[in-house]
């Protein structure tokens, strides 16, 4: 019963099991152990916080799988080299004083700009 763990909950199999002496006995137990209970679990803020924390962990895993991978290469300019999905090295973007240059025409320049934006951001 993980849902009721560390909460003052009296679980009965049927309503016939519930009588005044059993409730009094349970109440005395609760009063004696009240500092051991996690009363914050009774409020929505606790559960919202748990859900948001779980959501962030899931999103971090998704982002880690989707983000670019890098390896350090001592011979590369800047050191870090981006890898594609098959772990092949991608060419580093080339820069010029007035911006990016590329020998592959507009499509290559567009890819270099996108890659440069990833390096900056």
Foldseek 3Di string as FASTA:
>chain_A
DVLCPLHLDDDDPDPVVDDDVVVVVSVVVCVVCVVSGDCVSVDPVVVVVVVVVVVVVVVVVVCVVPDWDWDADPVDDVGIFTADPVRDTDDQFDADPVGGDDPPPPVVRVVNVVVVVVVVD
